Amino acid sequence: MNIAIATDAWHPQISGVVTKLVHTAAALEALGHGVRLIHPNLFRTFPCPTYPQIRLALNPWKEVSRLLDRATPDAIHIATEGPIGLAARSYCKTRKLPFTTWYTTRFPEYVAMRFPIPAEWTYAGLRWFHSAATRVLVATEALKRELAERGFARVVVVPPGVDTERFHPRVKTFPDHFRPVLLYVGRVAIEKSIDDFLNLEVPGTKVVVGDGPDLNRLRRAFPNAIFLGPRTGEELARIYAEADVFVFPSRTDTFGLVLLEAIASGVPVAAYPVRGPLDVIRPGVTGVLDEDLARAVREALALDPQRCRTEALRWTWENSARAFLEHLEPLHRNPS
């Protein structure tokens, strides 16, 4: 099958959405399918308001149509609700072609944190966007139920995976006087509640990996923390493996692929008991979920790294890609 995937999230942006796209495309190709990604690097772009690290395609309508025509796909999937996603949706609607979508980000909550726009208004726009899809793909049963309660239809679950060959336990080399090493990896933005992590009164060294609009403010406010900026690949995997606990203070994630990367590295998680961690973490085995995040950190330190690793092995990108394929809708092009 030849699959076209339209996305507003792509390199050099570092995010869970980009990670999912990269690994899903690779797994699909390993299964013998062709993948054509339509992403912002193929267009003139402009910085996203309040988040300049994200670049959005400028007026992509005609070019998206041209790229989709040239791709001659057997199925079309729209990964995001930005300019490219909107253009791909319009292309499919105009030609009466079926398509699937992903719901991966709590965009309404993120908008409400930055602008005086009620989340329900944004949810109404997202319901409109996804209402035309034959299926809306989400990562968990909990998110499926939540969207159904908000009026979304035809929602199906496609669990993500984790690269357990790259992310695995390693010999820890940090000196003992730095320990315990408490790690956060992800976007450095207001919706991630990183202040909650950095304000914790717990012993050890706090390390933040990632980039985003809040990075400079946090560096000034918390000079005793270590801010490494964005890291990827083998370097990122080594950083994960050095940690003693992965601290995930976000209350707004739909899943949190970084949670899987942490436990695959043999690092237990401390997080709030909210969507995302509740769907990934096995309490007392791969992490501790508590409204008292400092207590979660202290208790997570006692967990067995090998049991974290064993749990992570259940999540594979091949299984994720096979589930993705099951829900694609083949195109039935009308004769011209």
C-alpha atoms as a PDB file:
ATOM      1  CA  MET A   1       0.000   0.000   0.000  1.00  0.00           C
ATOM      2  CA  ASN A   2       1.154   3.526  -0.821  1.00  0.00           C
ATOM      3  CA  ILE A   3       0.291   5.804   2.128  1.00  0.00           C
ATOM      4  CA  ALA A   4       0.363   9.606   2.171  1.00  0.00           C
ATOM      5  CA  ILE A   5       0.677  11.240   5.610  1.00  0.00           C
ATOM      6  CA  ALA A   6       0.131  14.994   5.962  1.00  0.00           C
ATOM      7  CA  THR A   7       1.657  16.611   9.042  1.00  0.00           C
ATOM      8  CA  ASP A   8       2.383  20.073  10.426  1.00  0.00           C
ATOM      9  CA  ALA A   9       4.900  18.601  12.891  1.00  0.00           C
ATOM     10  CA  TRP A  10       8.306  17.622  11.533  1.00  0.00           C
ATOM     11  CA  HIS A  11      12.045  18.082  11.933  1.00  0.00           C
ATOM     12  CA  PRO A  12      13.788  20.087  13.313  1.00  0.00           C
ATOM     13  CA  GLN A  13      10.908  20.171  15.839  1.00  0.00           C
ATOM     14  CA  ILE A  14      11.420  17.625  18.607  1.00  0.00           C
ATOM     15  CA  SER A  15       8.156  16.282  19.982  1.00  0.00           C
ATOM     16  CA  GLY A  16       6.214  13.120  20.643  1.00  0.00           C
ATOM     17  CA  VAL A  17       4.231  13.681  17.446  1.00  0.00           C
ATOM     18  CA  VAL A  18       7.404  13.824  15.344  1.00  0.00           C
ATOM     19  CA  THR A  19       8.797  10.753  17.113  1.00  0.00           C
ATOM     20  CA  LYS A  20       5.585   8.849  16.420  1.00  0.00           C
ATOM     21  CA  LEU A  21       5.618   9.865  12.757  1.00  0.00           C
ATOM     22  CA  VAL A  22       9.248   8.852  12.239  1.00  0.00           C
ATOM     23  CA  HIS A  23       8.851   5.434  13.833  1.00  0.00           C
ATOM     24  CA  THR A  24       5.444   4.724  12.312  1.00  0.00           C
ATOM     25  CA  ALA A  25       6.755   5.531   8.825  1.00  0.00           C
ATOM     26  CA  ALA A  26       9.839   3.348   9.351  1.00  0.00           C
ATOM     27  CA  ALA A  27       7.749   0.450  10.672  1.00  0.00           C
ATOM     28  CA  LEU A  28       5.296   0.731   7.764  1.00  0.00           C
ATOM     29  CA  GLU A  29       8.160   0.662   5.269  1.00  0.00           C
ATOM     30  CA  ALA A  30       9.683  -2.356   7.047  1.00  0.00           C
ATOM     31  CA  LEU A  31       6.331  -4.100   6.527  1.00  0.00           C
ATOM     32  CA  GLY A  32       6.588  -3.419   2.777  1.00  0.00           C
ATOM     33  CA  HIS A  33       4.441  -0.292   2.436  1.00  0.00           C
ATOM     34  CA  GLY A  34       5.378   2.999   0.799  1.00  0.00           C
ATOM     35  CA  VAL A  35       5.082   6.204   2.826  1.00  0.00           C
ATOM     36  CA  ARG A  36       4.989   9.757   1.438  1.00  0.00           C
ATOM     37  CA  LEU A  37       5.232  12.413   4.149  1.00  0.00           C
ATOM     38  CA  ILE A  38       3.972  15.923   3.384  1.00  0.00           C
ATOM     39  CA  HIS A  39       5.561  18.180   6.006  1.00  0.00           C
ATOM     40  CA  PRO A  40       6.481  21.857   6.646  1.00  0.00           C
ATOM     41  CA  ASN A  41      10.025  21.547   5.263  1.00  0.00           C
ATOM     42  CA  LEU A  42       8.489  21.324   1.779  1.00  0.00           C
ATOM     43  CA  PHE A  43       6.970  24.836   2.119  1.00  0.00           C
ATOM     44  CA  ARG A  44       7.733  28.395   3.038  1.00  0.00           C
ATOM     45  CA  THR A  45       7.061  28.657   6.764  1.00  0.00           C
ATOM     46  CA  PHE A  46       6.411  31.159   9.537  1.00  0.00           C
ATOM     47  CA  PRO A  47       6.905  30.830  13.320  1.00  0.00           C
ATOM     48  CA  CYS A  48       3.964  29.640  15.368  1.00  0.00           C
ATOM     49  CA  PRO A  49       2.677  32.468  17.595  1.00  0.00           C
ATOM     50  CA  THR A  50       4.041  32.128  21.188  1.00  0.00           C
ATOM     51  CA  TYR A  51       6.083  29.074  20.094  1.00  0.00           C
ATOM     52  CA  PRO A  52       8.623  30.196  17.450  1.00  0.00           C
ATOM     53  CA  GLN A  53      10.475  26.867  17.559  1.00  0.00           C
ATOM     54  CA  ILE A  54       7.511  25.408  15.646  1.00  0.00           C
ATOM     55  CA  ARG A  55       7.344  26.420  11.987  1.00  0.00           C
ATOM     56  CA  LEU A  56       4.013  26.359  10.135  1.00  0.00           C
ATOM     57  CA  ALA A  57       3.512  26.130   6.381  1.00  0.00           C
ATOM     58  CA  LEU A  58       2.525  29.383   4.695  1.00  0.00           C
ATOM     59  CA  ASN A  59      -0.416  29.086   2.277  1.00  0.00           C
ATOM     60  CA  PRO A  60       0.101  25.365   1.521  1.00  0.00           C
ATOM     61  CA  TRP A  61      -3.224  24.697  -0.227  1.00  0.00           C
ATOM     62  CA  LYS A  62      -2.171  24.372  -3.871  1.00  0.00           C
ATOM     63  CA  GLU A  63       1.115  22.649  -3.090  1.00  0.00           C
ATOM     64  CA  VAL A  64      -0.519  20.077  -0.812  1.00  0.00           C
ATOM     65  CA  SER A  65      -2.939  19.232  -3.637  1.00  0.00           C
ATOM     66  CA  ARG A  66      -0.068  18.929  -6.101  1.00  0.00           C
ATOM     67  CA  LEU A  67       1.940  16.699  -3.749  1.00  0.00           C
ATOM     68  CA  LEU A  68      -1.021  14.438  -3.056  1.00  0.00           C
ATOM     69  CA  ASP A  69      -1.799  14.150  -6.761  1.00  0.00           C
ATOM     70  CA  ARG A  70       1.817  13.237  -7.451  1.00  0.00           C
ATOM     71  CA  ALA A  71       1.899  10.683  -4.609  1.00  0.00           C
ATOM     72  CA  THR A  72      -1.117   8.761  -6.013  1.00  0.00           C
ATOM     73  CA  PRO A  73      -1.730   7.228  -2.581  1.00  0.00           C
ATOM     74  CA  ASP A  74      -3.850   4.215  -1.752  1.00  0.00           C
ATOM     75  CA  ALA A  75      -4.719   5.828   1.600  1.00  0.00           C
ATOM     76  CA  ILE A  76      -4.418   9.299   3.136  1.00  0.00           C
ATOM     77  CA  HIS A  77      -3.791   9.995   6.800  1.00  0.00           C
ATOM     78  CA  ILE A  78      -3.789  13.479   8.374  1.00  0.00           C
ATOM     79  CA  ALA A  79      -1.622  13.658  11.485  1.00  0.00           C
ATOM     80  CA  THR A  80      -2.237  17.242  12.653  1.00  0.00           C
ATOM     81  CA  GLU A  81      -4.847  20.002  12.544  1.00  0.00           C
ATOM     82  CA  GLY A  82      -2.569  22.834  11.291  1.00  0.00           C
ATOM     83  CA  PRO A  83      -2.304  24.484   7.857  1.00  0.00           C
ATOM     84  CA  ILE A  84      -1.057  21.342   6.095  1.00  0.00           C
ATOM     85  CA  GLY A  85      -3.680  19.210   7.817  1.00  0.00           C
ATOM     86  CA  LEU A  86      -6.410  21.657   6.824  1.00  0.00           C
ATOM     87  CA  ALA A  87      -5.191  21.699   3.224  1.00  0.00           C
ATOM     88  CA  ALA A  88      -5.129  17.897   3.067  1.00  0.00           C
ATOM     89  CA  ARG A  89      -8.618  17.751   4.585  1.00  0.00           C
ATOM     90  CA  SER A  90      -9.900  20.192   1.953  1.00  0.00           C
ATOM     91  CA  TYR A  91      -8.245  18.124  -0.803  1.00  0.00           C
ATOM     92  CA  CYS A  92      -9.998  14.955   0.365  1.00  0.00           C
ATOM     93  CA  LYS A  93     -13.365  16.625   0.915  1.00  0.00           C
ATOM     94  CA  THR A  94     -13.321  18.305  -2.504  1.00  0.00           C
ATOM     95  CA  ARG A  95     -12.521  15.005  -4.237  1.00  0.00           C
ATOM     96  CA  LYS A  96     -14.795  12.915  -1.991  1.00  0.00           C
ATOM     97  CA  LEU A  97     -11.845  10.811  -0.811  1.00  0.00           C
ATOM     98  CA  PRO A  98     -11.857   9.060   2.583  1.00  0.00           C
ATOM     99  CA  PHE A  99      -9.096   9.819   5.076  1.00  0.00           C
ATOM    100  CA  THR A 100      -8.116   9.085   8.663  1.00  0.00           C
ATOM    101  CA  THR A 101      -6.776  11.456  11.316  1.00  0.00           C
ATOM    102  CA  TRP A 102      -4.757  11.394  14.540  1.00  0.00           C
ATOM    103  CA  TYR A 103      -5.746  13.168  17.725  1.00  0.00           C
ATOM    104  CA  THR A 104      -2.442  13.500  19.579  1.00  0.00           C
ATOM    105  CA  THR A 105      -2.328  16.847  21.408  1.00  0.00           C
ATOM    106  CA  ARG A 106      -4.526  18.645  23.946  1.00  0.00           C
ATOM    107  CA  PHE A 107      -4.536  21.681  21.705  1.00  0.00           C
ATOM    108  CA  PRO A 108      -7.576  23.355  23.358  1.00  0.00           C
ATOM    109  CA  GLU A 109      -5.892  23.375  26.769  1.00  0.00           C
ATOM    110  CA  TYR A 110      -2.637  24.679  25.277  1.00  0.00           C
ATOM    111  CA  VAL A 111      -4.451  27.518  23.508  1.00  0.00           C
ATOM    112  CA  ALA A 112      -6.357  28.442  26.675  1.00  0.00           C
ATOM    113  CA  MET A 113      -3.063  28.726  28.583  1.00  0.00           C
ATOM    114  CA  ARG A 114      -1.770  31.272  26.076  1.00  0.00           C
ATOM    115  CA  PHE A 115      -4.843  33.213  24.949  1.00  0.00           C
ATOM    116  CA  PRO A 116      -8.245  34.132  26.462  1.00  0.00           C
ATOM    117  CA  ILE A 117      -9.995  31.504  24.348  1.00  0.00           C
ATOM    118  CA  PRO A 118     -12.238  28.974  26.147  1.00  0.00           C
ATOM    119  CA  ALA A 119     -11.165  25.392  25.563  1.00  0.00           C
ATOM    120  CA  GLU A 120     -14.695  24.445  24.456  1.00  0.00           C
ATOM    121  CA  TRP A 121     -14.444  26.830  21.510  1.00  0.00           C
ATOM    122  CA  THR A 122     -11.286  25.092  20.330  1.00  0.00           C
ATOM    123  CA  TYR A 123     -12.833  21.665  20.919  1.00  0.00           C
ATOM    124  CA  ALA A 124     -15.705  22.703  18.643  1.00  0.00           C
ATOM    125  CA  GLY A 125     -13.190  23.469  15.895  1.00  0.00           C
ATOM    126  CA  LEU A 126     -11.449  20.137  16.418  1.00  0.00           C
ATOM    127  CA  ARG A 127     -14.767  18.254  16.307  1.00  0.00           C
ATOM    128  CA  TRP A 128     -15.414  19.900  12.947  1.00  0.00           C
ATOM    129  CA  PHE A 129     -11.947  18.982  11.682  1.00  0.00           C
ATOM    130  CA  HIS A 130     -12.131  15.319  12.708  1.00  0.00           C
ATOM    131  CA  SER A 131     -15.832  14.839  11.883  1.00  0.00           C
ATOM    132  CA  ALA A 132     -14.999  14.244   8.218  1.00  0.00           C
ATOM    133  CA  ALA A 133     -12.540  11.437   8.965  1.00  0.00           C
ATOM    134  CA  THR A 134     -13.551   7.811   8.552  1.00  0.00           C
ATOM    135  CA  ARG A 135     -11.662   7.089  11.792  1.00  0.00           C
ATOM    136  CA  VAL A 136      -9.899   9.190  14.409  1.00  0.00           C
ATOM    137  CA  LEU A 137      -6.834   7.417  15.809  1.00  0.00           C
ATOM    138  CA  VAL A 138      -5.847   7.919  19.467  1.00  0.00           C
ATOM    139  CA  ALA A 139      -3.251   6.330  21.729  1.00  0.00           C
ATOM    140  CA  THR A 140      -5.402   5.017  24.597  1.00  0.00           C
ATOM    141  CA  GLU A 141      -8.853   3.753  25.558  1.00  0.00           C
ATOM    142  CA  ALA A 142      -9.101   6.549  28.126  1.00  0.00           C
ATOM    143  CA  LEU A 143      -8.619   9.233  25.478  1.00  0.00           C
ATOM    144  CA  LYS A 144     -11.122   7.450  23.242  1.00  0.00           C
ATOM    145  CA  ARG A 145     -13.723   7.645  26.018  1.00  0.00           C
ATOM    146  CA  GLU A 146     -12.917  11.281  26.741  1.00  0.00           C
ATOM    147  CA  LEU A 147     -13.305  12.320  23.096  1.00  0.00           C
ATOM    148  CA  ALA A 148     -16.538  10.347  22.781  1.00  0.00           C
ATOM    149  CA  GLU A 149     -17.884  12.320  25.747  1.00  0.00           C
ATOM    150  CA  ARG A 150     -16.919  15.510  23.910  1.00  0.00           C
ATOM    151  CA  GLY A 151     -18.856  14.487  20.803  1.00  0.00           C
ATOM    152  CA  PHE A 152     -16.095  12.985  18.644  1.00  0.00           C
ATOM    153  CA  ALA A 153     -17.181  10.014  16.536  1.00  0.00           C
ATOM    154  CA  ARG A 154     -15.493   6.938  15.062  1.00  0.00           C
ATOM    155  CA  VAL A 155     -12.550   7.065  17.490  1.00  0.00           C
ATOM    156  CA  VAL A 156     -10.246   4.004  17.515  1.00  0.00           C
ATOM    157  CA  VAL A 157      -7.157   3.094  19.535  1.00  0.00           C
ATOM    158  CA  VAL A 158      -3.692   2.656  18.005  1.00  0.00           C
ATOM    159  CA  PRO A 159      -1.136   2.329  20.825  1.00  0.00           C
ATOM    160  CA  PRO A 160       2.324   3.747  20.086  1.00  0.00           C
ATOM    161  CA  GLY A 161       5.622   1.964  20.625  1.00  0.00           C
ATOM    162  CA  VAL A 162       9.155   2.592  21.836  1.00  0.00           C
ATOM    163  CA  ASP A 163      12.583   1.879  20.347  1.00  0.00           C
ATOM    164  CA  THR A 164      13.860  -0.628  22.906  1.00  0.00           C
ATOM    165  CA  GLU A 165      17.093  -1.163  20.967  1.00  0.00           C
ATOM    166  CA  ARG A 166      18.092   2.474  21.413  1.00  0.00           C
ATOM    167  CA  PHE A 167      16.577   3.045  24.843  1.00  0.00           C
ATOM    168  CA  HIS A 168      17.907   0.457  27.274  1.00  0.00           C
ATOM    169  CA  PRO A 169      19.626   0.301  30.685  1.00  0.00           C
ATOM    170  CA  ARG A 170      23.331   1.127  30.747  1.00  0.00           C
ATOM    171  CA  VAL A 171      26.117   1.431  33.302  1.00  0.00           C
ATOM    172  CA  LYS A 172      25.622   4.703  35.205  1.00  0.00           C
ATOM    173  CA  THR A 173      28.712   6.913  35.204  1.00  0.00           C
ATOM    174  CA  PHE A 174      27.657  10.091  37.030  1.00  0.00           C
ATOM    175  CA  PRO A 175      29.530  10.525  40.343  1.00  0.00           C
ATOM    176  CA  ASP A 176      27.595   9.511  43.454  1.00  0.00           C
ATOM    177  CA  HIS A 177      27.528  13.034  44.859  1.00  0.00           C
ATOM    178  CA  PHE A 178      25.250  14.094  41.955  1.00  0.00           C
ATOM    179  CA  ARG A 179      22.713  11.393  42.758  1.00  0.00           C
ATOM    180  CA  PRO A 180      19.883  10.801  42.612  1.00  0.00           C
ATOM    181  CA  VAL A 181      19.615  12.203  39.086  1.00  0.00           C
ATOM    182  CA  LEU A 182      16.067  13.437  38.441  1.00  0.00           C
ATOM    183  CA  LEU A 183      15.331  13.854  34.727  1.00  0.00           C
ATOM    184  CA  TYR A 184      12.691  15.605  32.633  1.00  0.00           C
ATOM    185  CA  VAL A 185      12.659  15.246  28.821  1.00  0.00           C
ATOM    186  CA  GLY A 186      10.208  17.072  26.571  1.00  0.00           C
ATOM    187  CA  ARG A 187       9.018  20.423  25.332  1.00  0.00           C
ATOM    188  CA  VAL A 188       9.952  23.279  27.641  1.00  0.00           C
ATOM    189  CA  ALA A 189       6.618  25.074  27.606  1.00  0.00           C
ATOM    190  CA  ILE A 190       4.008  26.305  30.057  1.00  0.00           C
ATOM    191  CA  GLU A 191       1.644  23.362  29.518  1.00  0.00           C
ATOM    192  CA  LYS A 192       4.301  20.914  30.752  1.00  0.00           C
ATOM    193  CA  SER A 193       4.292  22.353  34.323  1.00  0.00           C
ATOM    194  CA  ILE A 194       8.078  22.036  34.595  1.00  0.00           C
ATOM    195  CA  ASP A 195       8.054  24.534  37.471  1.00  0.00           C
ATOM    196  CA  ASP A 196       6.367  21.816  39.565  1.00  0.00           C
ATOM    197  CA  PHE A 197       9.405  19.583  38.995  1.00  0.00           C
ATOM    198  CA  LEU A 198      12.045  22.251  39.576  1.00  0.00           C
ATOM    199  CA  ASN A 199      10.347  23.507  42.744  1.00  0.00           C
ATOM    200  CA  LEU A 200      10.446  20.075  44.404  1.00  0.00           C
ATOM    201  CA  GLU A 201      12.308  19.980  47.699  1.00  0.00           C
ATOM    202  CA  VAL A 202      14.044  16.651  47.181  1.00  0.00           C
ATOM    203  CA  PRO A 203      17.739  15.727  47.223  1.00  0.00           C
ATOM    204  CA  GLY A 204      19.629  15.148  43.997  1.00  0.00           C
ATOM    205  CA  THR A 205      20.381  16.788  40.669  1.00  0.00           C
ATOM    206  CA  LYS A 206      17.571  18.046  38.464  1.00  0.00           C
ATOM    207  CA  VAL A 207      18.187  17.771  34.714  1.00  0.00           C
ATOM    208  CA  VAL A 208      15.969  19.193  31.960  1.00  0.00           C
ATOM    209  CA  VAL A 209      16.352  18.079  28.333  1.00  0.00           C
ATOM    210  CA  GLY A 210      14.429  19.909  25.632  1.00  0.00           C
ATOM    211  CA  ASP A 211      13.729  23.246  24.030  1.00  0.00           C
ATOM    212  CA  GLY A 212      10.793  25.603  23.990  1.00  0.00           C
ATOM    213  CA  PRO A 213       9.538  29.098  24.786  1.00  0.00           C
ATOM    214  CA  ASP A 214       9.941  28.652  28.564  1.00  0.00           C
ATOM    215  CA  LEU A 215      13.608  27.604  28.481  1.00  0.00           C
ATOM    216  CA  ASN A 216      15.253  30.978  29.153  1.00  0.00           C
ATOM    217  CA  ARG A 217      12.804  31.856  31.937  1.00  0.00           C
ATOM    218  CA  LEU A 218      13.385  28.554  33.697  1.00  0.00           C
ATOM    219  CA  ARG A 219      17.164  28.871  33.380  1.00  0.00           C
ATOM    220  CA  ARG A 220      16.997  32.230  35.147  1.00  0.00           C
ATOM    221  CA  ALA A 221      14.549  31.067  37.792  1.00  0.00           C
ATOM    222  CA  PHE A 222      16.314  27.777  38.639  1.00  0.00           C
ATOM    223  CA  PRO A 223      20.091  28.291  38.343  1.00  0.00           C
ATOM    224  CA  ASN A 224      20.865  25.104  40.289  1.00  0.00           C
ATOM    225  CA  ALA A 225      19.180  22.863  37.705  1.00  0.00           C
ATOM    226  CA  ILE A 226      21.001  21.564  34.640  1.00  0.00           C
ATOM    227  CA  PHE A 227      19.438  22.550  31.312  1.00  0.00           C
ATOM    228  CA  LEU A 228      20.920  20.549  28.446  1.00  0.00           C
ATOM    229  CA  GLY A 229      18.725  21.909  25.655  1.00  0.00           C
ATOM    230  CA  PRO A 230      17.516  19.564  22.903  1.00  0.00           C
ATOM    231  CA  ARG A 231      19.166  16.161  22.589  1.00  0.00           C
ATOM    232  CA  THR A 232      18.369  13.304  20.210  1.00  0.00           C
ATOM    233  CA  GLY A 233      19.452   9.831  19.200  1.00  0.00           C
ATOM    234  CA  GLU A 234      22.170   7.977  21.045  1.00  0.00           C
ATOM    235  CA  GLU A 235      23.073  11.019  23.129  1.00  0.00           C
ATOM    236  CA  LEU A 236      19.511  11.257  24.444  1.00  0.00           C
ATOM    237  CA  ALA A 237      19.434   7.514  25.152  1.00  0.00           C
ATOM    238  CA  ARG A 238      22.603   7.802  27.274  1.00  0.00           C
ATOM    239  CA  ILE A 239      21.078  10.687  29.249  1.00  0.00           C
ATOM    240  CA  TYR A 240      17.942   8.668  30.004  1.00  0.00           C
ATOM    241  CA  ALA A 241      20.015   5.732  31.225  1.00  0.00           C
ATOM    242  CA  GLU A 242      21.979   7.955  33.635  1.00  0.00           C
ATOM    243  CA  ALA A 243      18.822   9.022  35.470  1.00  0.00           C
ATOM    244  CA  ASP A 244      17.539   7.469  38.673  1.00  0.00           C
ATOM    245  CA  VAL A 245      13.973   8.764  38.307  1.00  0.00           C
ATOM    246  CA  PHE A 246      12.125  10.310  35.369  1.00  0.00           C
ATOM    247  CA  VAL A 247       9.895  13.137  36.605  1.00  0.00           C
ATOM    248  CA  PHE A 248       6.868  13.929  34.435  1.00  0.00           C
ATOM    249  CA  PRO A 249       4.964  16.925  35.835  1.00  0.00           C
ATOM    250  CA  SER A 250       2.630  17.466  32.874  1.00  0.00           C
ATOM    251  CA  ARG A 251      -1.133  17.282  33.440  1.00  0.00           C
ATOM    252  CA  THR A 252      -2.056  17.858  29.777  1.00  0.00           C
ATOM    253  CA  ASP A 253      -0.484  15.045  27.724  1.00  0.00           C
ATOM    254  CA  THR A 254      -2.614  12.567  25.813  1.00  0.00           C
ATOM    255  CA  PHE A 255       0.042   9.870  26.233  1.00  0.00           C
ATOM    256  CA  GLY A 256       3.691  10.838  26.755  1.00  0.00           C
ATOM    257  CA  LEU A 257       6.103   8.799  24.619  1.00  0.00           C
ATOM    258  CA  VAL A 258       8.925   9.968  26.893  1.00  0.00           C
ATOM    259  CA  LEU A 259       7.414   7.783  29.624  1.00  0.00           C
ATOM    260  CA  LEU A 260       8.018   4.704  27.473  1.00  0.00           C
ATOM    261  CA  GLU A 261      11.551   5.854  26.633  1.00  0.00           C
ATOM    262  CA  ALA A 262      12.287   6.237  30.341  1.00  0.00           C
ATOM    263  CA  ILE A 263      11.013   2.820  31.440  1.00  0.00           C
ATOM    264  CA  ALA A 264      12.695   1.172  28.438  1.00  0.00           C
ATOM    265  CA  SER A 265      15.916   2.686  29.826  1.00  0.00           C
ATOM    266  CA  GLY A 266      15.215   1.090  33.199  1.00  0.00           C
ATOM    267  CA  VAL A 267      14.234   4.392  34.793  1.00  0.00           C
ATOM    268  CA  PRO A 268      11.068   4.490  36.950  1.00  0.00           C
ATOM    269  CA  VAL A 269       8.662   7.421  36.601  1.00  0.00           C
ATOM    270  CA  ALA A 270       7.283   9.899  39.122  1.00  0.00           C
ATOM    271  CA  ALA A 271       4.174  11.700  37.858  1.00  0.00           C
ATOM    272  CA  TYR A 272       0.746  12.999  38.734  1.00  0.00           C
ATOM    273  CA  PRO A 273      -2.185  10.521  38.492  1.00  0.00           C
ATOM    274  CA  VAL A 274      -3.572  12.015  35.277  1.00  0.00           C
ATOM    275  CA  ARG A 275      -4.221  10.912  31.687  1.00  0.00           C
ATOM    276  CA  GLY A 276      -0.973   9.953  30.047  1.00  0.00           C
ATOM    277  CA  PRO A 277       0.833   8.525  33.073  1.00  0.00           C
ATOM    278  CA  LEU A 278      -2.304   6.613  34.102  1.00  0.00           C
ATOM    279  CA  ASP A 279      -2.331   4.954  30.664  1.00  0.00           C
ATOM    280  CA  VAL A 280       1.367   4.042  30.588  1.00  0.00           C
ATOM    281  CA  ILE A 281       2.661   3.561  34.121  1.00  0.00           C
ATOM    282  CA  ARG A 282       2.014   0.435  36.187  1.00  0.00           C
ATOM    283  CA  PRO A 283       1.971   1.820  39.746  1.00  0.00           C
ATOM    284  CA  GLY A 284       4.561   0.272  42.016  1.00  0.00           C
ATOM    285  CA  VAL A 285       6.278  -1.416  39.065  1.00  0.00           C
ATOM    286  CA  THR A 286       7.254   1.182  36.464  1.00  0.00           C
ATOM    287  CA  GLY A 287       6.531   4.280  38.512  1.00  0.00           C
ATOM    288  CA  VAL A 288       4.627   6.074  41.231  1.00  0.00           C
ATOM    289  CA  LEU A 289       1.654   8.358  40.578  1.00  0.00           C
ATOM    290  CA  ASP A 290       0.801  10.806  43.338  1.00  0.00           C
ATOM    291  CA  GLU A 291      -0.550  14.338  43.702  1.00  0.00           C
ATOM    292  CA  ASP A 292       2.432  14.825  45.997  1.00  0.00           C
ATOM    293  CA  LEU A 293       5.132  14.749  43.328  1.00  0.00           C
ATOM    294  CA  ALA A 294       7.983  14.828  45.857  1.00  0.00           C
ATOM    295  CA  ARG A 295       6.587  11.691  47.516  1.00  0.00           C
ATOM    296  CA  ALA A 296       6.273  10.063  44.093  1.00  0.00           C
ATOM    297  CA  VAL A 297       9.967  10.791  43.453  1.00  0.00           C
ATOM    298  CA  ARG A 298      11.065   9.310  46.791  1.00  0.00           C
ATOM    299  CA  GLU A 299       9.023   6.145  46.312  1.00  0.00           C
ATOM    300  CA  ALA A 300      10.031   5.698  42.657  1.00  0.00           C
ATOM    301  CA  LEU A 301      13.682   5.562  43.718  1.00  0.00           C
ATOM    302  CA  ALA A 302      12.971   2.208  45.372  1.00  0.00           C
ATOM    303  CA  LEU A 303      11.557   0.528  42.257  1.00  0.00           C
ATOM    304  CA  ASP A 304      13.350  -2.189  40.271  1.00  0.00           C
ATOM    305  CA  PRO A 305      14.857  -0.896  36.974  1.00  0.00           C
ATOM    306  CA  GLN A 306      14.682  -4.366  35.390  1.00  0.00           C
ATOM    307  CA  ARG A 307      10.938  -4.597  35.932  1.00  0.00           C
ATOM    308  CA  CYS A 308      10.598  -1.216  34.165  1.00  0.00           C
ATOM    309  CA  ARG A 309      12.538  -2.591  31.207  1.00  0.00           C
ATOM    310  CA  THR A 310      10.443  -5.773  31.054  1.00  0.00           C
ATOM    311  CA  GLU A 311       7.202  -3.777  30.951  1.00  0.00           C
ATOM    312  CA  ALA A 312       8.523  -1.558  28.135  1.00  0.00           C
ATOM    313  CA  LEU A 313       9.215  -4.544  25.887  1.00  0.00           C
ATOM    314  CA  ARG A 314       5.455  -4.948  25.386  1.00  0.00           C
ATOM    315  CA  TRP A 315       5.312  -1.688  23.388  1.00  0.00           C
ATOM    316  CA  THR A 316       6.659  -2.118  19.831  1.00  0.00           C
ATOM    317  CA  TRP A 317       6.458   0.111  16.777  1.00  0.00           C
ATOM    318  CA  GLU A 318       5.728  -2.898  14.573  1.00  0.00           C
ATOM    319  CA  ASN A 319       2.574  -3.666  16.558  1.00  0.00           C
ATOM    320  CA  SER A 320       1.647   0.009  16.419  1.00  0.00           C
ATOM    321  CA  ALA A 321       2.108   0.113  12.638  1.00  0.00           C
ATOM    322  CA  ARG A 322      -0.015  -3.009  12.160  1.00  0.00           C
ATOM    323  CA  ALA A 323      -2.833  -1.445  14.194  1.00  0.00           C
ATOM    324  CA  PHE A 324      -2.453   1.752  12.158  1.00  0.00           C
ATOM    325  CA  LEU A 325      -2.834  -0.220   8.931  1.00  0.00           C
ATOM    326  CA  GLU A 326      -6.002  -1.923  10.175  1.00  0.00           C
ATOM    327  CA  HIS A 327      -7.763   1.430  10.474  1.00  0.00           C
ATOM    328  CA  LEU A 328      -6.660   3.079   7.230  1.00  0.00           C
ATOM    329  CA  GLU A 329      -9.388   3.639   4.655  1.00  0.00           C
ATOM    330  CA  PRO A 330      -8.401   2.725   1.060  1.00  0.00           C
ATOM    331  CA  LEU A 331      -9.185   5.402  -1.532  1.00  0.00           C
ATOM    332  CA  HIS A 332     -11.859   4.835  -4.138  1.00  0.00           C
ATOM    333  CA  ARG A 333     -11.112   7.501  -6.699  1.00  0.00           C
ATOM    334  CA  ASN A 334     -13.945   8.686  -8.887  1.00  0.00           C
ATOM    335  CA  PRO A 335     -13.319   8.465 -12.665  1.00  0.00           C
ATOM    336  CA  SER A 336     -12.344  11.857 -14.092  1.00  0.00           C
END
